[in-house]
């Protein structure tokens, strides 16, 4: 009876992914150093000092990886799914779903990491028909405007986590769900100062 019970418990832990390895892998990354640098950057560059957007593309695309960080509370106030680029234009990218490849080249369909200034609100053909131009502030994303890398929504993106499934791929834009875009749009329309969006891996 005891052996049968132990076997049941072992199978339960394995099937539910709650073993030690799974628990270790489920821990969230510590973004403290990013938040600190972002706060200093926003203060120096006269960006919005209430919040910024952090996108961690090292996280599985079926999990939340677009974060709104509130500088005042020192906490993430919201988090949702976001796309990454397929990076398959002119090259084979067999791991495009699992691992993000970065490029700043035009027509590469890749994501570009680094800090961005969220610019003008404009009309879009995607999602809720609203987009925000992204201005790359580093060598790794300096061609963002020419590449038309924008923040927009896409109806194909879920508003909740879908892991182990993957979020659809983009051509380099950080696209979010329609519902989340409404949240972002509401916040962005209220600010008079530019907002920082930072893509990391």
Protein backbone atom coordinates (compact mmCIF):
# COMPACT_ATOMS: atom_id res chain seq x y z
CA UNK A 1 0.00 0.00 0.00
CA UNK A 2 2.81 2.40 0.92
CA UNK A 3 4.68 1.57 -2.28
CA UNK A 4 1.55 2.16 -4.32
CA UNK A 5 1.02 5.55 -2.64
CA UNK A 6 4.63 6.60 -3.26
CA UNK A 7 4.34 5.57 -6.90
CA UNK A 8 1.16 7.64 -7.28
CA UNK A 9 2.78 10.70 -5.73
CA UNK A 10 5.86 10.34 -7.95
CA UNK A 11 3.74 10.07 -11.10
CA UNK A 12 1.69 13.07 -10.02
CA UNK A 13 4.77 15.24 -9.54
CA UNK A 14 6.21 14.21 -12.90
CA UNK A 15 2.98 14.66 -14.85
CA UNK A 16 2.19 18.05 -13.31
CA UNK A 17 5.70 19.35 -13.78
CA UNK A 18 6.10 20.21 -10.12
CA UNK A 19 9.39 18.49 -9.48
CA UNK A 20 12.45 20.42 -8.27
CA UNK A 21 13.66 21.16 -11.82
CA UNK A 22 10.28 22.51 -12.89
CA UNK A 23 10.04 24.70 -9.81
CA UNK A 24 13.53 26.05 -10.44
CA UNK A 25 12.76 26.79 -14.10
CA UNK A 26 9.50 28.54 -13.21
CA UNK A 27 11.26 31.21 -11.17
CA UNK A 28 11.12 34.64 -12.73
CA UNK A 29 14.24 36.50 -13.74
CA UNK A 30 15.41 39.29 -11.46
CA UNK A 31 15.01 42.54 -13.39
CA UNK A 32 16.21 44.85 -10.59
CA UNK A 33 19.30 46.03 -12.47
CA UNK A 34 17.24 46.77 -15.60
CA UNK A 35 14.68 48.75 -13.60
CA UNK A 36 17.45 50.74 -11.93
CA UNK A 37 19.13 51.55 -15.24
CA UNK A 38 15.80 52.40 -16.86
CA UNK A 39 14.92 54.82 -14.06
CA UNK A 40 18.27 56.60 -14.37
CA UNK A 41 17.91 56.73 -18.16
CA UNK A 42 14.40 58.20 -18.00
CA UNK A 43 15.49 60.84 -15.53
CA UNK A 44 18.54 61.84 -17.58
CA UNK A 45 16.76 61.87 -20.95
CA UNK A 46 13.58 63.51 -19.58
CA UNK A 47 11.41 60.50 -20.39
CA UNK A 48 8.29 59.55 -18.45
CA UNK A 49 9.37 58.71 -14.90
CA UNK A 50 6.12 57.01 -13.85
CA UNK A 51 6.63 53.77 -15.77
CA UNK A 52 8.42 52.05 -18.64
CA UNK A 53 7.91 48.92 -20.77
CA UNK A 54 10.32 45.99 -20.53
CA UNK A 55 10.21 43.16 -23.09
CA UNK A 56 12.24 40.05 -22.23
CA UNK A 57 12.58 37.92 -25.36
CA UNK A 58 14.53 35.24 -23.52
CA UNK A 59 11.19 34.09 -22.10
CA UNK A 60 9.10 31.49 -23.99
CA UNK A 61 6.68 33.31 -26.30
CA UNK A 62 3.73 31.46 -24.78
CA UNK A 63 4.43 33.12 -21.44
CA UNK A 64 4.00 36.73 -20.40
CA UNK A 65 7.12 38.71 -21.29
CA UNK A 66 5.92 42.27 -21.91
CA UNK A 67 6.02 44.07 -18.58
CA UNK A 68 4.76 47.46 -17.44
CA UNK A 69 7.03 48.51 -14.59
CA UNK A 70 5.79 51.21 -12.21
CA UNK A 71 8.69 53.30 -10.93
CA UNK A 72 6.62 54.70 -8.07
CA UNK A 73 5.56 51.37 -6.56
CA UNK A 74 8.68 49.50 -7.66
CA UNK A 75 6.54 46.70 -9.05
CA UNK A 76 5.37 45.24 -12.36
CA UNK A 77 1.81 46.50 -12.73
CA UNK A 78 0.84 44.36 -15.73
CA UNK A 79 2.30 41.68 -17.99
CA UNK A 80 1.17 40.00 -21.20
CA UNK A 81 2.31 38.09 -24.28
CA UNK A 82 4.30 39.73 -27.08
CA UNK A 83 5.63 38.54 -30.44
CA UNK A 84 9.19 38.32 -31.69
CA UNK A 85 10.45 38.42 -35.26
CA UNK A 86 10.63 35.30 -37.42
CA UNK A 87 14.08 36.34 -38.71
CA UNK A 88 13.66 34.06 -41.71
CA UNK A 89 13.91 36.49 -44.62
CA UNK A 90 16.68 35.27 -46.91
CA UNK A 91 17.85 32.68 -44.39
CA UNK A 92 16.69 29.45 -42.81
CA UNK A 93 15.75 29.83 -39.16
CA UNK A 94 14.75 26.41 -37.87
CA UNK A 95 14.62 27.55 -34.22
CA UNK A 96 12.60 30.72 -34.81
CA UNK A 97 9.83 29.62 -32.44
CA UNK A 98 12.09 28.61 -29.56
CA UNK A 99 14.99 31.08 -29.76
CA UNK A 100 14.97 34.72 -30.82
CA UNK A 101 17.55 35.90 -33.35
CA UNK A 102 18.32 39.62 -33.53
CA UNK A 103 19.25 41.91 -36.40
CA UNK A 104 19.07 45.61 -37.23
CA UNK A 105 19.11 45.01 -40.99
CA UNK A 106 16.23 46.11 -43.20
CA UNK A 107 13.90 43.33 -44.40
CA UNK A 108 15.45 40.80 -42.02
CA UNK A 109 12.14 40.16 -40.21
CA UNK A 110 14.17 39.99 -36.99
CA UNK A 111 13.62 41.57 -33.61
CA UNK A 112 16.09 44.26 -32.55
CA UNK A 113 17.07 44.56 -28.91
CA UNK A 114 17.86 47.75 -27.07
CA UNK A 115 16.14 50.88 -25.80
CA UNK A 116 13.43 52.58 -27.84
CA UNK A 117 11.59 55.85 -27.54
CA UNK A 118 7.88 55.33 -28.13
CA UNK A 119 6.94 57.95 -30.66
CA UNK A 120 3.90 59.16 -32.56
CA UNK A 121 0.52 57.48 -32.31
CA UNK A 122 -0.67 56.49 -35.78
CA UNK A 123 -3.21 54.36 -37.61
CA UNK A 124 -2.55 50.69 -38.30
CA UNK A 125 -4.03 47.94 -40.46
CA UNK A 126 -3.58 45.46 -37.58
CA UNK A 127 -5.57 44.73 -34.44
CA UNK A 128 -7.33 47.76 -32.96
CA UNK A 129 -5.96 49.86 -35.85
CA UNK A 130 -3.54 51.82 -33.64
CA UNK A 131 0.25 51.75 -33.70
CA UNK A 132 3.09 53.66 -32.09
CA UNK A 133 6.30 54.37 -33.95
CA UNK A 134 9.42 53.08 -32.22
CA UNK A 135 12.66 55.06 -32.44
CA UNK A 136 15.74 52.93 -31.79
CA UNK A 137 18.21 54.62 -29.45
CA UNK A 138 21.12 52.21 -29.83
CA UNK A 139 23.28 50.69 -32.58
CA UNK A 140 21.32 47.45 -32.24
CA UNK A 141 17.99 49.07 -33.19
CA UNK A 142 18.89 52.32 -34.99
CA UNK A 143 17.00 51.32 -38.16
CA UNK A 144 13.67 50.80 -36.40
CA UNK A 145 11.84 53.63 -38.17
CA UNK A 146 13.15 52.68 -41.63
CA UNK A 147 12.19 49.06 -40.95
CA UNK A 148 8.73 50.20 -39.76
CA UNK A 149 9.19 48.47 -36.41
CA UNK A 150 6.16 49.63 -34.44
CA UNK A 151 4.18 48.73 -31.35
CA UNK A 152 0.79 47.42 -32.43
CA UNK A 153 -1.80 44.77 -31.65
CA UNK A 154 -2.76 41.62 -33.51
CA UNK A 155 -6.02 39.73 -33.11
CA UNK A 156 -4.15 36.41 -33.38
CA UNK A 157 -2.38 37.03 -30.07
CA UNK A 158 -3.96 35.73 -26.88
CA UNK A 159 -4.53 37.99 -23.90
CA UNK A 160 -3.54 35.14 -21.56
CA UNK A 161 -0.60 32.77 -21.43
CA UNK A 162 -0.72 29.82 -23.86
CA UNK A 163 2.44 27.90 -22.85
CA UNK A 164 3.57 25.36 -24.05
CA UNK A 165 2.14 26.72 -27.31
CA UNK A 166 3.93 29.60 -29.02
CA UNK A 167 2.70 33.09 -29.82
CA UNK A 168 2.56 33.83 -33.59
CA UNK A 169 5.70 35.31 -35.12
CA UNK A 170 5.99 38.87 -36.41
CA UNK A 171 8.31 40.55 -38.90
CA UNK A 172 10.18 42.20 -36.05
CA UNK A 173 7.47 44.26 -34.39
CA UNK A 174 6.60 43.75 -30.72
CA UNK A 175 2.90 43.02 -31.24
CA UNK A 176 0.48 42.41 -28.35
CA UNK A 177 -3.15 41.33 -27.91
CA UNK A 178 -5.95 43.72 -28.81
CA UNK A 179 -7.06 44.00 -25.19
CA UNK A 180 -3.56 44.74 -23.94
CA UNK A 181 -3.02 47.31 -26.68
CA UNK A 182 -6.07 49.16 -25.38
CA UNK A 183 -4.41 49.30 -21.95
CA UNK A 184 -1.13 50.54 -23.41
CA UNK A 185 -2.86 53.05 -25.68
CA UNK A 186 -4.79 54.52 -22.77
CA UNK A 187 -1.59 54.99 -20.77
CA UNK A 188 0.43 56.38 -23.67
CA UNK A 189 -2.21 58.95 -24.60
CA UNK A 190 -2.08 60.42 -21.10
CA UNK A 191 1.65 61.08 -20.98
CA UNK A 192 3.29 64.26 -22.23
CA UNK A 193 6.81 62.82 -22.02
CA UNK A 194 8.15 59.99 -24.19
CA UNK A 195 7.97 56.48 -22.75
CA UNK A 196 10.86 54.01 -22.75
CA UNK A 197 10.41 50.56 -24.27
CA UNK A 198 13.40 48.28 -23.67
CA UNK A 199 13.82 44.93 -25.45
CA UNK A 200 16.26 42.53 -23.79
CA UNK A 201 17.21 38.87 -24.10
